Protein backbone atom coordinates (compact mmCIF):
# COMPACT_ATOMS: atom_id res chain seq x y z
CA MET A 1 -14.86 -20.70 -11.07
CA ALA A 2 -14.64 -17.55 -8.89
CA PRO A 3 -11.29 -16.98 -7.17
CA ARG A 4 -11.05 -17.87 -3.50
CA THR A 5 -11.15 -14.76 -1.34
CA ILE A 6 -8.80 -14.16 1.57
CA ASP A 7 -10.37 -13.05 4.85
CA LEU A 8 -8.59 -9.77 5.63
CA SER A 9 -11.15 -8.27 8.04
CA PRO A 10 -9.70 -7.01 11.36
CA LEU A 11 -9.45 -9.53 14.20
CA PRO A 12 -9.98 -8.64 17.89
CA ILE A 13 -6.81 -7.18 19.37
CA VAL A 14 -6.84 -9.86 22.12
CA ASP A 15 -6.19 -12.54 19.50
CA ARG A 16 -2.37 -12.93 19.66
CA PRO A 17 -1.76 -9.17 20.15
CA LEU A 18 2.03 -9.14 20.52
CA SER A 19 2.88 -11.16 17.41
CA ARG A 20 0.32 -9.29 15.30
CA LEU A 21 1.48 -5.86 16.49
CA ALA A 22 5.07 -6.85 15.69
CA GLN A 23 4.00 -7.98 12.20
CA LEU A 24 2.06 -4.73 11.70
CA PHE A 25 4.97 -2.45 12.56
CA VAL A 26 7.52 -4.52 10.63
CA GLY A 27 5.26 -4.39 7.57
CA LEU A 28 4.69 -0.64 7.83
CA THR A 29 8.40 0.05 8.34
CA LEU A 30 9.27 -2.02 5.27
CA TYR A 31 6.52 -0.29 3.30
CA GLY A 32 7.92 3.15 4.12
CA THR A 33 11.40 1.90 3.26
CA SER A 34 10.20 0.71 -0.14
CA MET A 35 8.64 4.13 -0.80
CA GLY A 36 11.93 5.84 -0.06
CA LEU A 37 13.84 3.43 -2.28
CA MET A 38 11.45 4.06 -5.15
CA VAL A 39 12.00 7.80 -4.80
CA ARG A 40 15.77 7.27 -4.85
CA ALA A 41 15.50 5.16 -8.02
CA GLN A 42 14.18 8.27 -9.81
CA LEU A 43 12.36 6.25 -12.45
CA GLY A 44 8.77 7.23 -11.67
CA LEU A 45 6.51 7.70 -8.65
CA ALA A 46 3.95 5.22 -7.37
CA PRO A 47 0.43 5.87 -8.76
CA TRP A 48 -0.94 7.40 -5.56
CA ASP A 49 1.98 9.84 -5.46
CA VAL A 50 1.36 10.74 -9.10
CA LEU A 51 -2.22 11.58 -8.10
CA ASN A 52 -1.07 13.60 -5.10
CA GLN A 53 1.41 15.53 -7.23
CA GLY A 54 -1.30 16.32 -9.77
CA LEU A 55 -3.62 17.58 -7.03
CA VAL A 56 -0.82 19.74 -5.59
CA ARG A 57 -0.55 21.54 -8.94
CA HIS A 58 -4.27 22.31 -9.00
CA LEU A 59 -4.92 23.04 -5.33
CA GLY A 60 -1.67 24.75 -4.43
CA TRP A 61 -1.48 22.78 -1.17
CA SER A 62 1.58 21.06 0.25
CA PHE A 63 2.25 17.45 -0.71
CA GLY A 64 1.57 16.35 2.86
CA ALA A 65 -1.76 18.18 3.02
CA VAL A 66 -2.89 16.61 -0.25
CA THR A 67 -1.86 13.17 1.04
CA VAL A 68 -4.11 13.70 4.05
CA LEU A 69 -6.93 14.85 1.76
CA THR A 70 -6.78 11.75 -0.44
CA GLY A 71 -6.60 9.57 2.66
CA VAL A 72 -9.78 11.13 4.07
CA VAL A 73 -11.60 10.77 0.75
CA VAL A 74 -10.59 7.12 0.49
CA LEU A 75 -11.68 6.48 4.08
CA ALA A 76 -15.09 7.93 3.19
CA ALA A 77 -15.29 5.35 0.39
CA TRP A 78 -15.02 2.62 3.05
CA ALA A 79 -18.62 3.27 4.22
CA PRO A 80 -20.50 1.34 1.50
CA LEU A 81 -17.85 -1.40 1.67
CA ARG A 82 -18.44 -1.84 5.43
CA GLN A 83 -14.75 -1.71 6.20
CA ARG A 84 -13.67 -1.23 9.82
CA PRO A 85 -10.62 0.86 10.74
CA GLY A 86 -8.19 -0.46 13.32
CA ILE A 87 -4.86 0.22 14.96
CA GLY A 88 -3.17 -0.38 11.63
CA THR A 89 -5.19 2.40 10.01
CA VAL A 90 -3.81 4.98 12.44
CA ALA A 91 -0.29 3.50 12.61
CA ASN A 92 -0.14 3.59 8.82
CA VAL A 93 0.15 7.37 8.74
CA VAL A 94 2.73 7.75 11.52
CA VAL A 95 5.06 4.81 10.83
CA LEU A 96 5.19 5.34 7.06
CA ALA A 97 6.15 8.98 7.48
CA VAL A 98 9.04 8.15 9.83
CA SER A 99 10.23 5.19 7.78
CA VAL A 100 10.27 6.93 4.41
CA ASP A 101 12.04 10.00 5.80
CA THR A 102 14.65 7.80 7.48
CA THR A 103 15.26 5.88 4.25
CA LEU A 104 15.67 9.08 2.24
CA ALA A 105 18.15 10.36 4.83
CA VAL A 106 20.24 7.19 4.75
CA VAL A 107 20.10 6.14 1.08
CA PRO A 108 21.72 8.63 -1.32
CA PRO A 109 20.45 9.15 -4.89
CA LEU A 110 22.00 6.76 -7.42
CA VAL A 111 23.61 7.94 -10.65
CA GLY A 112 24.07 4.85 -12.83
CA LEU A 113 21.01 3.54 -14.67
CA PRO A 114 21.65 -0.18 -13.90
CA GLY A 115 21.78 0.55 -10.18
CA ARG A 116 18.59 2.65 -10.35
CA ILE A 117 16.77 -0.12 -12.24
CA ALA A 118 17.86 -2.70 -9.65
CA LEU A 119 16.75 -0.37 -6.85
CA LEU A 120 13.37 0.18 -8.52
CA VAL A 121 12.67 -3.53 -8.95
CA SER A 122 13.76 -4.24 -5.36
CA ALA A 123 11.53 -1.43 -4.08
CA ILE A 124 8.45 -2.73 -5.92
CA VAL A 125 8.94 -6.30 -4.69
CA LEU A 126 9.56 -5.06 -1.15
CA ASN A 127 6.43 -2.91 -1.34
CA GLY A 128 4.30 -5.90 -2.34
CA PHE A 129 5.76 -7.99 0.48
CA ALA A 130 5.38 -5.18 3.02
CA THR A 131 1.76 -4.64 1.99
CA ALA A 132 0.99 -8.31 2.59
CA VAL A 133 2.83 -8.31 5.94
CA TYR A 134 1.00 -5.38 7.51
CA VAL A 135 -2.40 -6.04 5.93
CA GLY A 136 -2.07 -9.73 6.86
CA ALA A 137 -1.71 -8.78 10.53
CA ARG A 138 -5.44 -7.95 10.36
CA LEU A 139 -5.22 -4.96 12.70
CA GLY A 140 -6.84 -2.64 10.22
CA PRO A 141 -5.45 -1.69 6.79
CA GLY A 142 -4.34 1.78 5.78
CA PRO A 143 -6.85 3.96 3.89
CA ARG A 144 -5.81 2.83 0.42
CA ASP A 145 -5.29 -0.82 1.28
CA GLY A 146 -8.67 -0.82 3.03
CA LEU A 147 -10.24 0.12 -0.28
CA MET A 148 -8.49 -2.89 -1.82
CA THR A 149 -9.56 -5.35 0.87
CA GLY A 150 -13.13 -4.01 0.91
CA LEU A 151 -13.57 -4.42 -2.84
CA HIS A 152 -11.91 -7.83 -2.64
CA ALA A 153 -14.44 -8.97 -0.02
CA ARG A 154 -17.49 -7.42 -1.69
CA THR A 155 -16.83 -8.41 -5.30
CA GLY A 156 -15.04 -11.73 -4.84
CA TRP A 157 -12.41 -10.53 -7.31
CA SER A 158 -8.84 -11.54 -6.59
CA VAL A 159 -6.54 -9.17 -4.71
CA ARG A 160 -4.43 -9.05 -7.88
CA VAL A 161 -7.30 -7.77 -10.04
CA VAL A 162 -8.65 -5.34 -7.44
CA ARG A 163 -5.29 -3.76 -6.59
CA THR A 164 -4.17 -3.51 -10.21
CA THR A 165 -7.47 -1.88 -11.20
CA ILE A 166 -7.24 0.67 -8.39
CA GLU A 167 -3.62 1.53 -9.16
CA ALA A 168 -4.36 1.91 -12.89
CA CYS A 169 -7.34 4.23 -12.27
CA VAL A 170 -5.35 6.34 -9.80
CA LEU A 171 -2.41 6.55 -12.20
CA VAL A 172 -4.55 7.73 -15.13
CA THR A 173 -6.33 10.32 -12.97
CA GLY A 174 -3.03 11.63 -11.58
CA TRP A 175 -1.48 11.83 -15.04
CA VAL A 176 -4.48 13.75 -16.41
CA LEU A 177 -4.13 16.20 -13.49
CA GLY A 178 -0.49 16.79 -14.36
CA GLY A 179 1.33 14.32 -12.13
CA THR A 180 4.67 12.91 -13.27
CA ALA A 181 4.74 9.26 -14.29
CA GLY A 182 7.60 7.08 -15.49
CA VAL A 183 8.51 3.49 -16.23
CA GLY A 184 8.61 2.80 -12.50
CA THR A 185 5.03 4.00 -12.18
CA VAL A 186 3.80 1.57 -14.81
CA LEU A 187 5.78 -1.34 -13.35
CA TYR A 188 4.41 -0.59 -9.90
CA ALA A 189 0.81 -0.36 -11.13
CA LEU A 190 1.08 -3.68 -12.95
CA GLY A 191 3.15 -5.53 -10.36
CA ILE A 192 1.84 -4.53 -6.94
CA GLY A 193 -1.46 -6.44 -7.23
CA PRO A 194 0.03 -9.82 -8.16
CA LEU A 195 2.83 -9.40 -5.61
CA ALA A 196 0.46 -8.52 -2.76
CA GLN A 197 -1.80 -11.47 -3.57
CA LEU A 198 1.17 -13.84 -3.72
CA PHE A 199 2.61 -12.81 -0.36
CA LEU A 200 -0.80 -12.60 1.39
CA ARG A 201 -1.06 -16.37 1.11
CA PHE A 202 1.85 -16.68 3.53
CA THR A 203 1.44 -13.62 5.77
CA THR A 204 -2.28 -13.48 6.57
CA ILE A 205 -3.04 -14.28 10.21
CA ARG A 206 -5.97 -16.65 10.67
CA SER A 207 -8.33 -16.43 13.64
CA LYS A 208 -8.11 -18.99 16.45
CA LYS A 209 -11.47 -20.32 15.28
CA ASP A 210 -10.07 -20.96 11.80
CA LEU A 211 -7.11 -22.80 13.28
CA CYS A 212 -9.27 -25.19 15.30
CA PRO A 213 -9.73 -28.60 13.63
């Protein structure tokens, strides 16, 4: 039997705007925080950052410029999936940048391996939860999460399978291009899909029509 899909398409902004905007910004802030914590764990970058690092080596661009490039390319891939951008798509870029920089400024690098492992695991779990929180607000996913939700809707595959497949493909491509991967990269690639699917069950906002008996 095919897995039950979760409706993650954007809802009209007039549908409970305040609570959904709050959920969006909380989710994005936590997502950026988890990115900073993973950097501080120093046990491997997330797959998309491995890809960006590999592209930096070949293009000679800054890390930020390459991040914008991959975002634009992924947004272009939305077209055949009929994904619609929203407030969350734009907020994704701004809020994540502020949140991750703040986290890196506040949290110092750790020295002991046990502490770094604990930080890595916490960061991955927080990332999965944060993804579900801001995507579940249904105000428009970020470029990369929009690819996940679009494939989820079009194929009927579970969020777990779609996200894990995307992360694995991105990781392999980034590694081939010369990006740096570690144990944290593999754990993230394998864990983020199941975690996002688990938390989406509890964080996804349903439309008023769905809530009517």
